[in-house]
Amino acid sequence: MLVTASVVVPVSGAAKPPAVPAPVPAPVRPLRTATQAALAERYAASRAAIADAERMAAEHGHLRRAGSLRAMAGPSRALLSFDGRDGGRTVEVFGDLARAGRIAVLVPGTDTDLDRYGRLHGGAASLQRELRERGGDGASVVVAWLGYRTPSLFGPEVLTSGRAAEAAPGLRRFVRELRALRPAARISLVCHSYGSVVCARVASEPGVSDVVLYGSPGTGVDHVAGLGTRATVWTGRATGDWVSAVPHTRVRLPFTTLGFGTDPVSPEFGARVFAAGDGGHSDYLRPGSVALENVARIILEAPPVAAGHRG
């Protein structure tokens, strides 16, 4: 019960903000090809769905959400999908998917929704810039995948794999769609915090080349072999990340299991460990960081650099 006491008790009674109403998105045709024309049509459909959600949010007095949606609907944004309900779901592309030779799917962790989407957006943009600068050919794409209802850091659901189990089928479908659209592309899952619990359930999907876990509380398995994947599994943790203090154990209860088992950066887990610098839990994709460089290097099949070095 140490896991529960250390994470949930301090603010378990915190009130949740009221839900922001949003319309049911209009159905879109399946994306059968990754041509520029097909992608432009899909991006336009997503902008229309965002505009509808913006109007409804404004009509109900949720001006902050309306403002963020207005920015999200800008002509420079490229969203494959959008649903404003229940905190929001969206999939955004950074780079030219029509030319993609490498695709990094960025899977976020706790407390990520439309109102806090800026963190995921900023991290994805930073990673794509790093890839472009290091790859040089413009064929590296990052996809920010907010395809599930993320748990609250201060709620009991963050201690179980329940939200990950809900998320995994959607992420698996998305990986398969990418493989169908760009069959020659190298796909990497890049998974932050609780997102690593989601990715652990999809790691065995054929076509995934690398699984990159950072700021991870665990995966739900005790050894990398338990992921059942042919992908190379990488893991990193910054020295200033509070997640290192989370007990790496699993407590089996009658109806659920609390915790996620072996520490992913420990030798016992068996993953390849990369240097992640001295930042905090939300600093891994910060421009100029060792962690950002090493995540980009892994995606580009280059060896990571040691702590304290920039290449």
C-alpha atoms as a PDB file:
ATOM      1  CA  MET A   1       0.000   0.000   0.000  1.00  0.00           C
ATOM      2  CA  LEU A   2       3.058   2.254   0.036  1.00  0.00           C
ATOM      3  CA  VAL A   3       2.438   3.105  -3.618  1.00  0.00           C
ATOM      4  CA  THR A   4      -1.067   4.368  -2.903  1.00  0.00           C
ATOM      5  CA  ALA A   5      -0.023   6.323   0.156  1.00  0.00           C
ATOM      6  CA  SER A   6       2.910   8.007  -1.550  1.00  0.00           C
ATOM      7  CA  VAL A   7       0.992   9.258  -4.571  1.00  0.00           C
ATOM      8  CA  VAL A   8      -2.737   9.480  -4.003  1.00  0.00           C
ATOM      9  CA  VAL A   9      -3.407  10.502  -0.437  1.00  0.00           C
ATOM     10  CA  PRO A  10      -2.080  14.110  -0.515  1.00  0.00           C
ATOM     11  CA  VAL A  11      -4.681  15.413  -2.958  1.00  0.00           C
ATOM     12  CA  SER A  12      -7.156  12.577  -3.456  1.00  0.00           C
ATOM     13  CA  GLY A  13     -10.012  14.942  -2.727  1.00  0.00           C
ATOM     14  CA  ALA A  14      -9.054  17.545  -5.324  1.00  0.00           C
ATOM     15  CA  ALA A  15     -12.052  18.772  -7.278  1.00  0.00           C
ATOM     16  CA  LYS A  16     -12.193  18.210 -11.022  1.00  0.00           C
ATOM     17  CA  PRO A  17     -12.910  21.125 -13.353  1.00  0.00           C
ATOM     18  CA  PRO A  18     -16.252  21.051 -15.147  1.00  0.00           C
ATOM     19  CA  ALA A  19     -16.317  19.193 -18.448  1.00  0.00           C
ATOM     20  CA  VAL A  20     -16.183  21.315 -21.581  1.00  0.00           C
ATOM     21  CA  PRO A  21     -19.005  20.371 -23.967  1.00  0.00           C
ATOM     22  CA  ALA A  22     -18.041  19.473 -27.521  1.00  0.00           C
ATOM     23  CA  PRO A  23     -19.956  18.201 -30.551  1.00  0.00           C
ATOM     24  CA  VAL A  24     -19.762  14.700 -31.964  1.00  0.00           C
ATOM     25  CA  PRO A  25     -17.233  14.956 -34.809  1.00  0.00           C
ATOM     26  CA  ALA A  26     -18.498  14.336 -38.317  1.00  0.00           C
ATOM     27  CA  PRO A  27     -17.364  10.967 -39.692  1.00  0.00           C
ATOM     28  CA  VAL A  28     -14.353  11.060 -41.987  1.00  0.00           C
ATOM     29  CA  ARG A  29     -13.423   8.670 -44.736  1.00  0.00           C
ATOM     30  CA  PRO A  30     -10.568   6.262 -43.979  1.00  0.00           C
ATOM     31  CA  LEU A  31      -7.197   7.530 -45.102  1.00  0.00           C
ATOM     32  CA  ARG A  32      -6.193   5.044 -47.792  1.00  0.00           C
ATOM     33  CA  THR A  33      -3.115   6.823 -49.089  1.00  0.00           C
ATOM     34  CA  ALA A  34      -0.573   9.323 -47.801  1.00  0.00           C
ATOM     35  CA  THR A  35      -0.552  11.565 -50.868  1.00  0.00           C
ATOM     36  CA  GLN A  36      -0.407  15.315 -50.377  1.00  0.00           C
ATOM     37  CA  ALA A  37      -3.982  15.666 -51.650  1.00  0.00           C
ATOM     38  CA  ALA A  38      -5.404  12.987 -49.348  1.00  0.00           C
ATOM     39  CA  LEU A  39      -3.600  14.419 -46.342  1.00  0.00           C
ATOM     40  CA  ALA A  40      -4.741  17.955 -47.127  1.00  0.00           C
ATOM     41  CA  GLU A  41      -8.341  16.745 -47.244  1.00  0.00           C
ATOM     42  CA  ARG A  42      -7.998  15.024 -43.877  1.00  0.00           C
ATOM     43  CA  TYR A  43      -6.315  18.036 -42.277  1.00  0.00           C
ATOM     44  CA  ALA A  44      -9.115  20.281 -43.555  1.00  0.00           C
ATOM     45  CA  ALA A  45     -11.747  17.966 -42.063  1.00  0.00           C
ATOM     46  CA  SER A  46      -9.990  18.126 -38.697  1.00  0.00           C
ATOM     47  CA  ARG A  47      -9.859  21.923 -38.812  1.00  0.00           C
ATOM     48  CA  ALA A  48     -13.617  21.973 -39.431  1.00  0.00           C
ATOM     49  CA  ALA A  49     -14.190  19.689 -36.432  1.00  0.00           C
ATOM     50  CA  ILE A  50     -12.009  21.915 -34.258  1.00  0.00           C
ATOM     51  CA  ALA A  51     -13.915  25.020 -35.376  1.00  0.00           C
ATOM     52  CA  ASP A  52     -17.203  23.374 -34.389  1.00  0.00           C
ATOM     53  CA  ALA A  53     -15.782  22.517 -30.967  1.00  0.00           C
ATOM     54  CA  GLU A  54     -14.451  26.053 -30.573  1.00  0.00           C
ATOM     55  CA  ARG A  55     -17.890  27.551 -31.197  1.00  0.00           C
ATOM     56  CA  MET A  56     -19.550  25.238 -28.689  1.00  0.00           C
ATOM     57  CA  ALA A  57     -16.921  25.945 -26.031  1.00  0.00           C
ATOM     58  CA  ALA A  58     -17.346  29.697 -26.496  1.00  0.00           C
ATOM     59  CA  GLU A  59     -21.137  29.450 -26.378  1.00  0.00           C
ATOM     60  CA  HIS A  60     -20.888  27.720 -22.997  1.00  0.00           C
ATOM     61  CA  GLY A  61     -18.432  30.235 -21.591  1.00  0.00           C
ATOM     62  CA  HIS A  62     -15.278  28.109 -21.788  1.00  0.00           C
ATOM     63  CA  LEU A  63     -13.166  30.865 -23.292  1.00  0.00           C
ATOM     64  CA  ARG A  64      -9.796  29.345 -22.447  1.00  0.00           C
ATOM     65  CA  ARG A  65     -10.650  26.156 -24.314  1.00  0.00           C
ATOM     66  CA  ALA A  66     -12.082  28.184 -27.202  1.00  0.00           C
ATOM     67  CA  GLY A  67      -8.842  30.132 -27.468  1.00  0.00           C
ATOM     68  CA  SER A  68      -6.662  27.040 -27.519  1.00  0.00           C
ATOM     69  CA  LEU A  69      -8.892  25.446 -30.146  1.00  0.00           C
ATOM     70  CA  ARG A  70      -8.683  28.568 -32.296  1.00  0.00           C
ATOM     71  CA  ALA A  71      -4.903  28.226 -32.323  1.00  0.00           C
ATOM     72  CA  MET A  72      -5.143  24.499 -33.020  1.00  0.00           C
ATOM     73  CA  ALA A  73      -7.265  25.155 -36.116  1.00  0.00           C
ATOM     74  CA  GLY A  74      -4.597  27.383 -37.682  1.00  0.00           C
ATOM     75  CA  PRO A  75      -3.626  26.726 -41.318  1.00  0.00           C
ATOM     76  CA  SER A  76      -0.121  25.569 -40.370  1.00  0.00           C
ATOM     77  CA  ARG A  77      -1.401  22.744 -38.163  1.00  0.00           C
ATOM     78  CA  ALA A  78      -1.801  19.195 -39.502  1.00  0.00           C
ATOM     79  CA  LEU A  79      -4.223  17.071 -37.483  1.00  0.00           C
ATOM     80  CA  LEU A  80      -5.228  13.616 -38.644  1.00  0.00           C
ATOM     81  CA  SER A  81      -8.109  13.459 -36.186  1.00  0.00           C
ATOM     82  CA  PHE A  82      -9.860  15.476 -33.508  1.00  0.00           C
ATOM     83  CA  ASP A  83     -12.566  14.857 -30.912  1.00  0.00           C
ATOM     84  CA  GLY A  84     -13.201  17.534 -28.290  1.00  0.00           C
ATOM     85  CA  ARG A  85     -15.270  15.380 -25.956  1.00  0.00           C
ATOM     86  CA  ASP A  86     -14.189  13.925 -22.603  1.00  0.00           C
ATOM     87  CA  GLY A  87     -11.020  15.987 -22.288  1.00  0.00           C
ATOM     88  CA  GLY A  88     -10.166  15.626 -25.959  1.00  0.00           C
ATOM     89  CA  ARG A  89      -8.466  13.260 -28.372  1.00  0.00           C
ATOM     90  CA  THR A  90      -6.253  14.402 -31.213  1.00  0.00           C
ATOM     91  CA  VAL A  91      -3.486  13.157 -33.491  1.00  0.00           C
ATOM     92  CA  GLU A  92      -1.172  15.821 -34.915  1.00  0.00           C
ATOM     93  CA  VAL A  93       1.561  15.442 -37.528  1.00  0.00           C
ATOM     94  CA  PHE A  94       4.835  17.376 -37.415  1.00  0.00           C
ATOM     95  CA  GLY A  95       6.602  17.096 -40.760  1.00  0.00           C
ATOM     96  CA  ASP A  96       5.609  15.744 -44.148  1.00  0.00           C
ATOM     97  CA  LEU A  97       3.844  12.417 -43.713  1.00  0.00           C
ATOM     98  CA  ALA A  98       3.701  11.961 -47.485  1.00  0.00           C
ATOM     99  CA  ARG A  99       7.521  11.692 -47.524  1.00  0.00           C
ATOM    100  CA  ALA A 100       8.051  10.016 -44.157  1.00  0.00           C
ATOM    101  CA  GLY A 101      10.902   7.528 -43.943  1.00  0.00           C
ATOM    102  CA  ARG A 102      10.964   7.603 -40.144  1.00  0.00           C
ATOM    103  CA  ILE A 103       7.931   8.145 -37.951  1.00  0.00           C
ATOM    104  CA  ALA A 104       8.170   8.751 -34.210  1.00  0.00           C
ATOM    105  CA  VAL A 105       4.823   8.337 -32.422  1.00  0.00           C
ATOM    106  CA  LEU A 106       4.902  10.417 -29.250  1.00  0.00           C
ATOM    107  CA  VAL A 107       2.647   8.965 -26.527  1.00  0.00           C
ATOM    108  CA  PRO A 108       2.036  11.284 -23.532  1.00  0.00           C
ATOM    109  CA  GLY A 109       1.542  10.499 -19.882  1.00  0.00           C
ATOM    110  CA  THR A 110      -0.587  11.880 -17.077  1.00  0.00           C
ATOM    111  CA  ASP A 111      -2.742  14.992 -17.158  1.00  0.00           C
ATOM    112  CA  THR A 112      -2.556  15.526 -20.907  1.00  0.00           C
ATOM    113  CA  ASP A 113      -5.743  16.852 -22.467  1.00  0.00           C
ATOM    114  CA  LEU A 114      -6.787  19.686 -24.759  1.00  0.00           C
ATOM    115  CA  ASP A 115      -6.325  22.295 -22.032  1.00  0.00           C
ATOM    116  CA  ARG A 116      -2.743  21.121 -21.426  1.00  0.00           C
ATOM    117  CA  TYR A 117      -1.968  20.033 -24.950  1.00  0.00           C
ATOM    118  CA  GLY A 118       0.695  22.728 -25.306  1.00  0.00           C
ATOM    119  CA  ARG A 119       3.236  20.565 -23.494  1.00  0.00           C
ATOM    120  CA  LEU A 120       2.780  17.662 -25.901  1.00  0.00           C
ATOM    121  CA  HIS A 121       2.708  20.003 -28.896  1.00  0.00           C
ATOM    122  CA  GLY A 122       5.911  21.716 -27.794  1.00  0.00           C
ATOM    123  CA  GLY A 123       7.728  18.447 -27.177  1.00  0.00           C
ATOM    124  CA  ALA A 124       6.692  17.039 -30.553  1.00  0.00           C
ATOM    125  CA  ALA A 125       7.795  20.198 -32.340  1.00  0.00           C
ATOM    126  CA  SER A 126      11.168  20.152 -30.551  1.00  0.00           C
ATOM    127  CA  LEU A 127      11.754  16.510 -31.433  1.00  0.00           C
ATOM    128  CA  GLN A 128      10.859  17.054 -35.085  1.00  0.00           C
ATOM    129  CA  ARG A 129      13.252  20.009 -35.309  1.00  0.00           C
ATOM    130  CA  GLU A 130      16.026  17.931 -33.737  1.00  0.00           C
ATOM    131  CA  LEU A 131      15.378  15.105 -36.185  1.00  0.00           C
ATOM    132  CA  ARG A 132      15.340  17.477 -39.135  1.00  0.00           C
ATOM    133  CA  GLU A 133      18.620  19.082 -38.085  1.00  0.00           C
ATOM    134  CA  ARG A 134      20.295  15.715 -37.549  1.00  0.00           C
ATOM    135  CA  GLY A 135      18.651  13.769 -40.366  1.00  0.00           C
ATOM    136  CA  GLY A 136      18.904  16.498 -42.964  1.00  0.00           C
ATOM    137  CA  ASP A 137      16.546  14.944 -45.507  1.00  0.00           C
ATOM    138  CA  GLY A 138      13.160  16.155 -44.274  1.00  0.00           C
ATOM    139  CA  ALA A 139      11.836  12.589 -44.115  1.00  0.00           C
ATOM    140  CA  SER A 140      11.604  12.347 -40.308  1.00  0.00           C
ATOM    141  CA  VAL A 141       8.107  12.889 -38.942  1.00  0.00           C
ATOM    142  CA  VAL A 142       6.786  13.107 -35.391  1.00  0.00           C
ATOM    143  CA  VAL A 143       3.168  12.329 -34.558  1.00  0.00           C
ATOM    144  CA  ALA A 144       1.710  13.546 -31.263  1.00  0.00           C
ATOM    145  CA  TRP A 145      -0.794  10.840 -30.356  1.00  0.00           C
ATOM    146  CA  LEU A 146      -3.292  11.992 -27.737  1.00  0.00           C
ATOM    147  CA  GLY A 147      -5.559   9.056 -28.399  1.00  0.00           C
ATOM    148  CA  TYR A 148      -6.692   8.189 -24.881  1.00  0.00           C
ATOM    149  CA  ARG A 149      -8.033   9.577 -21.633  1.00  0.00           C
ATOM    150  CA  THR A 150      -4.858  10.056 -19.646  1.00  0.00           C
ATOM    151  CA  PRO A 151      -4.954   9.490 -15.889  1.00  0.00           C
ATOM    152  CA  SER A 152      -4.605  12.275 -13.356  1.00  0.00           C
ATOM    153  CA  LEU A 153      -1.277  12.308 -11.558  1.00  0.00           C
ATOM    154  CA  PHE A 154      -3.151  12.579  -8.278  1.00  0.00           C
ATOM    155  CA  GLY A 155      -5.853  10.000  -8.891  1.00  0.00           C
ATOM    156  CA  PRO A 156      -5.921   6.276  -8.142  1.00  0.00           C
ATOM    157  CA  GLU A 157      -6.073   5.372 -11.843  1.00  0.00           C
ATOM    158  CA  VAL A 158      -2.427   6.446 -12.265  1.00  0.00           C
ATOM    159  CA  LEU A 159      -1.405   3.408 -10.186  1.00  0.00           C
ATOM    160  CA  THR A 160      -3.065   0.794 -12.390  1.00  0.00           C
ATOM    161  CA  SER A 161      -2.917  -0.251 -16.025  1.00  0.00           C
ATOM    162  CA  GLY A 162      -6.630   0.388 -16.577  1.00  0.00           C
ATOM    163  CA  ARG A 163      -6.221   3.516 -18.708  1.00  0.00           C
ATOM    164  CA  ALA A 164      -3.410   1.823 -20.630  1.00  0.00           C
ATOM    165  CA  ALA A 165      -5.665  -1.125 -21.396  1.00  0.00           C
ATOM    166  CA  GLU A 166      -8.278   1.295 -22.754  1.00  0.00           C
ATOM    167  CA  ALA A 167      -5.674   3.132 -24.842  1.00  0.00           C
ATOM    168  CA  ALA A 168      -3.750   0.217 -26.330  1.00  0.00           C
ATOM    169  CA  PRO A 169      -6.251  -0.896 -29.011  1.00  0.00           C
ATOM    170  CA  GLY A 170      -6.383   2.623 -30.446  1.00  0.00           C
ATOM    171  CA  LEU A 171      -2.612   2.977 -30.513  1.00  0.00           C
ATOM    172  CA  ARG A 172      -2.274  -0.447 -32.091  1.00  0.00           C
ATOM    173  CA  ARG A 173      -4.747   0.487 -34.824  1.00  0.00           C
ATOM    174  CA  PHE A 174      -2.882   3.710 -35.462  1.00  0.00           C
ATOM    175  CA  VAL A 175       0.463   1.918 -35.831  1.00  0.00           C
ATOM    176  CA  ARG A 176      -1.154  -0.430 -38.344  1.00  0.00           C
ATOM    177  CA  GLU A 177      -2.587   2.509 -40.270  1.00  0.00           C
ATOM    178  CA  LEU A 178       0.863   4.097 -40.451  1.00  0.00           C
ATOM    179  CA  ARG A 179       2.355   0.849 -41.701  1.00  0.00           C
ATOM    180  CA  ALA A 180      -0.304   0.655 -44.412  1.00  0.00           C
ATOM    181  CA  LEU A 181       0.203   4.287 -45.423  1.00  0.00           C
ATOM    182  CA  ARG A 182       4.018   4.247 -45.312  1.00  0.00           C
ATOM    183  CA  PRO A 183       5.061   0.556 -45.438  1.00  0.00           C
ATOM    184  CA  ALA A 184       8.755   1.337 -45.825  1.00  0.00           C
ATOM    185  CA  ALA A 185       8.910   3.813 -42.935  1.00  0.00           C
ATOM    186  CA  ARG A 186      10.714   2.992 -39.697  1.00  0.00           C
ATOM    187  CA  ILE A 187       8.284   3.451 -36.779  1.00  0.00           C
ATOM    188  CA  SER A 188       9.382   4.286 -33.236  1.00  0.00           C
ATOM    189  CA  LEU A 189       7.158   4.556 -30.166  1.00  0.00           C
ATOM    190  CA  VAL A 190       8.382   7.402 -27.957  1.00  0.00           C
ATOM    191  CA  CYS A 191       6.645   7.131 -24.610  1.00  0.00           C
ATOM    192  CA  HIS A 192       6.693   9.498 -21.646  1.00  0.00           C
ATOM    193  CA  SER A 193       5.720   8.650 -18.066  1.00  0.00           C
ATOM    194  CA  TYR A 194       2.400   6.731 -17.958  1.00  0.00           C
ATOM    195  CA  GLY A 195       2.582   6.627 -21.757  1.00  0.00           C
ATOM    196  CA  SER A 196       5.201   3.913 -21.316  1.00  0.00           C
ATOM    197  CA  VAL A 197       2.535   1.697 -19.715  1.00  0.00           C
ATOM    198  CA  VAL A 198       0.443   2.209 -22.856  1.00  0.00           C
ATOM    199  CA  CYS A 199       3.359   1.508 -25.188  1.00  0.00           C
ATOM    200  CA  ALA A 200       4.267  -1.664 -23.303  1.00  0.00           C
ATOM    201  CA  ARG A 201       0.966  -3.146 -24.491  1.00  0.00           C
ATOM    202  CA  VAL A 202       1.688  -2.257 -28.118  1.00  0.00           C
ATOM    203  CA  ALA A 203       5.426  -2.942 -28.249  1.00  0.00           C
ATOM    204  CA  SER A 204       4.897  -6.360 -29.852  1.00  0.00           C
ATOM    205  CA  GLU A 205       3.088  -4.858 -32.853  1.00  0.00           C
ATOM    206  CA  PRO A 206       4.928  -5.863 -36.060  1.00  0.00           C
ATOM    207  CA  GLY A 207       6.686  -2.966 -37.722  1.00  0.00           C
ATOM    208  CA  VAL A 208       7.721  -1.172 -34.530  1.00  0.00           C
ATOM    209  CA  SER A 209      11.501  -0.759 -34.679  1.00  0.00           C
ATOM    210  CA  ASP A 210      12.221   1.036 -31.397  1.00  0.00           C
ATOM    211  CA  VAL A 211      10.368   1.596 -28.146  1.00  0.00           C
ATOM    212  CA  VAL A 212      11.772   4.573 -26.250  1.00  0.00           C
ATOM    213  CA  LEU A 213      10.639   4.929 -22.636  1.00  0.00           C
ATOM    214  CA  TYR A 214      11.542   8.002 -20.600  1.00  0.00           C
ATOM    215  CA  GLY A 215      10.389   9.199 -17.193  1.00  0.00           C
ATOM    216  CA  SER A 216       8.761   5.788 -16.882  1.00  0.00           C
ATOM    217  CA  PRO A 217       7.231   4.493 -13.632  1.00  0.00           C
ATOM    218  CA  GLY A 218       7.422   0.953 -15.047  1.00  0.00           C
ATOM    219  CA  THR A 219       5.733  -1.043 -17.763  1.00  0.00           C
ATOM    220  CA  GLY A 220       3.746  -3.717 -15.983  1.00  0.00           C
ATOM    221  CA  VAL A 221       6.294  -6.434 -16.797  1.00  0.00           C
ATOM    222  CA  ASP A 222       9.395  -7.383 -14.829  1.00  0.00           C
ATOM    223  CA  HIS A 223      11.766  -7.844 -17.770  1.00  0.00           C
ATOM    224  CA  VAL A 224      11.961  -6.490 -21.293  1.00  0.00           C
ATOM    225  CA  ALA A 225      11.348 -10.022 -22.580  1.00  0.00           C
ATOM    226  CA  GLY A 226       7.837  -9.781 -21.142  1.00  0.00           C
ATOM    227  CA  LEU A 227       6.991  -7.153 -23.766  1.00  0.00           C
ATOM    228  CA  GLY A 228       7.204  -9.842 -26.441  1.00  0.00           C
ATOM    229  CA  THR A 229       8.704  -7.462 -28.963  1.00  0.00           C
ATOM    230  CA  ARG A 230      11.391  -7.653 -31.624  1.00  0.00           C
ATOM    231  CA  ALA A 231      11.858  -3.889 -31.309  1.00  0.00           C
ATOM    232  CA  THR A 232      14.860  -2.486 -29.493  1.00  0.00           C
ATOM    233  CA  VAL A 233      13.684  -1.177 -26.123  1.00  0.00           C
ATOM    234  CA  TRP A 234      15.423   1.933 -24.774  1.00  0.00           C
ATOM    235  CA  THR A 235      14.905   3.655 -21.466  1.00  0.00           C
ATOM    236  CA  GLY A 236      16.199   6.829 -19.845  1.00  0.00           C
ATOM    237  CA  ARG A 237      15.586   8.846 -16.711  1.00  0.00           C
ATOM    238  CA  ALA A 238      16.844  12.315 -15.821  1.00  0.00           C
ATOM    239  CA  THR A 239      18.562  12.698 -12.469  1.00  0.00           C
ATOM    240  CA  GLY A 240      16.052  15.370 -11.424  1.00  0.00           C
ATOM    241  CA  ASP A 241      12.958  13.321 -12.252  1.00  0.00           C
ATOM    242  CA  TRP A 242      10.746  12.700  -9.221  1.00  0.00           C
ATOM    243  CA  VAL A 243       9.499   9.423 -10.717  1.00  0.00           C
ATOM    244  CA  SER A 244      12.676   7.753  -9.450  1.00  0.00           C
ATOM    245  CA  ALA A 245      11.152   7.969  -5.953  1.00  0.00           C
ATOM    246  CA  VAL A 246       8.033   5.999  -6.932  1.00  0.00           C
ATOM    247  CA  PRO A 247       8.192   2.444  -5.501  1.00  0.00           C
ATOM    248  CA  HIS A 248       8.876  -0.002  -8.319  1.00  0.00           C
ATOM    249  CA  THR A 249       6.687  -2.831  -7.197  1.00  0.00           C
ATOM    250  CA  ARG A 250       3.349  -4.439  -7.884  1.00  0.00           C
ATOM    251  CA  VAL A 251       0.687  -5.074  -5.270  1.00  0.00           C
ATOM    252  CA  ARG A 252      -1.992  -7.536  -6.314  1.00  0.00           C
ATOM    253  CA  LEU A 253      -5.459  -6.806  -4.924  1.00  0.00           C
ATOM    254  CA  PRO A 254      -8.707  -8.751  -5.513  1.00  0.00           C
ATOM    255  CA  PHE A 255      -9.838  -6.574  -8.440  1.00  0.00           C
ATOM    256  CA  THR A 256      -6.714  -4.793  -9.643  1.00  0.00           C
ATOM    257  CA  THR A 257      -2.937  -4.523  -9.385  1.00  0.00           C
ATOM    258  CA  LEU A 258      -1.212  -1.391  -8.108  1.00  0.00           C
ATOM    259  CA  GLY A 259       2.176  -0.378  -9.496  1.00  0.00           C
ATOM    260  CA  PHE A 260       4.156  -1.357 -12.570  1.00  0.00           C
ATOM    261  CA  GLY A 261       6.983  -3.579 -11.405  1.00  0.00           C
ATOM    262  CA  THR A 262      10.689  -3.468 -12.173  1.00  0.00           C
ATOM    263  CA  ASP A 263      12.374  -0.103 -12.605  1.00  0.00           C
ATOM    264  CA  PRO A 264      12.885   0.260 -16.393  1.00  0.00           C
ATOM    265  CA  VAL A 265      16.359   1.821 -16.014  1.00  0.00           C
ATOM    266  CA  SER A 266      17.603  -0.976 -13.736  1.00  0.00           C
ATOM    267  CA  PRO A 267      19.864  -3.744 -15.074  1.00  0.00           C
ATOM    268  CA  GLU A 268      17.212  -6.260 -13.998  1.00  0.00           C
ATOM    269  CA  PHE A 269      14.775  -4.908 -16.593  1.00  0.00           C
ATOM    270  CA  GLY A 270      17.185  -5.494 -19.454  1.00  0.00           C
ATOM    271  CA  ALA A 271      16.541  -2.479 -21.715  1.00  0.00           C
ATOM    272  CA  ARG A 272      19.215  -0.340 -23.305  1.00  0.00           C
ATOM    273  CA  VAL A 273      19.694   2.709 -21.070  1.00  0.00           C
ATOM    274  CA  PHE A 274      20.466   6.111 -22.576  1.00  0.00           C
ATOM    275  CA  ALA A 275      21.679   9.266 -20.830  1.00  0.00           C
ATOM    276  CA  ALA A 276      18.816  11.685 -20.111  1.00  0.00           C
ATOM    277  CA  GLY A 277      20.574  14.564 -18.376  1.00  0.00           C
ATOM    278  CA  ASP A 278      19.691  16.283 -15.138  1.00  0.00           C
ATOM    279  CA  GLY A 279      16.285  17.798 -15.932  1.00  0.00           C
ATOM    280  CA  GLY A 280      12.917  17.180 -14.312  1.00  0.00           C
ATOM    281  CA  HIS A 281       9.994  14.983 -15.253  1.00  0.00           C
ATOM    282  CA  SER A 282       8.733  17.361 -17.938  1.00  0.00           C
ATOM    283  CA  ASP A 283      12.122  18.393 -19.375  1.00  0.00           C
ATOM    284  CA  TYR A 284      13.076  15.445 -21.572  1.00  0.00           C
ATOM    285  CA  LEU A 285      12.193  17.086 -24.893  1.00  0.00           C
ATOM    286  CA  ARG A 286      13.416  20.525 -23.890  1.00  0.00           C
ATOM    287  CA  PRO A 287      15.507  22.092 -26.684  1.00  0.00           C
ATOM    288  CA  GLY A 288      19.205  21.656 -26.036  1.00  0.00           C
ATOM    289  CA  SER A 289      18.808  18.780 -23.598  1.00  0.00           C
ATOM    290  CA  VAL A 290      20.844  15.577 -23.664  1.00  0.00           C
ATOM    291  CA  ALA A 291      17.609  13.596 -23.501  1.00  0.00           C
ATOM    292  CA  LEU A 292      16.212  15.250 -26.634  1.00  0.00           C
ATOM    293  CA  GLU A 293      19.421  14.616 -28.540  1.00  0.00           C
ATOM    294  CA  ASN A 294      19.519  10.971 -27.523  1.00  0.00           C
ATOM    295  CA  VAL A 295      15.872  10.308 -28.348  1.00  0.00           C
ATOM    296  CA  ALA A 296      16.503  11.797 -31.803  1.00  0.00           C
ATOM    297  CA  ARG A 297      19.676   9.743 -32.221  1.00  0.00           C
ATOM    298  CA  ILE A 298      17.822   6.541 -31.378  1.00  0.00           C
ATOM    299  CA  ILE A 299      15.119   7.311 -33.941  1.00  0.00           C
ATOM    300  CA  LEU A 300      17.839   8.017 -36.528  1.00  0.00           C
ATOM    301  CA  GLU A 301      19.718   4.788 -35.624  1.00  0.00           C
ATOM    302  CA  ALA A 302      22.723   6.694 -34.297  1.00  0.00           C
ATOM    303  CA  PRO A 303      24.433   5.792 -30.990  1.00  0.00           C
ATOM    304  CA  PRO A 304      23.311   7.913 -28.023  1.00  0.00           C
ATOM    305  CA  VAL A 305      25.821  10.263 -26.431  1.00  0.00           C
ATOM    306  CA  ALA A 306      27.025  10.009 -22.851  1.00  0.00           C
ATOM    307  CA  ALA A 307      25.763  12.315 -20.106  1.00  0.00           C
ATOM    308  CA  GLY A 308      27.222  15.797 -20.300  1.00  0.00           C
ATOM    309  CA  HIS A 309      28.023  15.608 -23.999  1.00  0.00           C
ATOM    310  CA  ARG A 310      26.319  17.118 -27.024  1.00  0.00           C
ATOM    311  CA  GLY A 311      27.148  15.885 -30.496  1.00  0.00           C
END
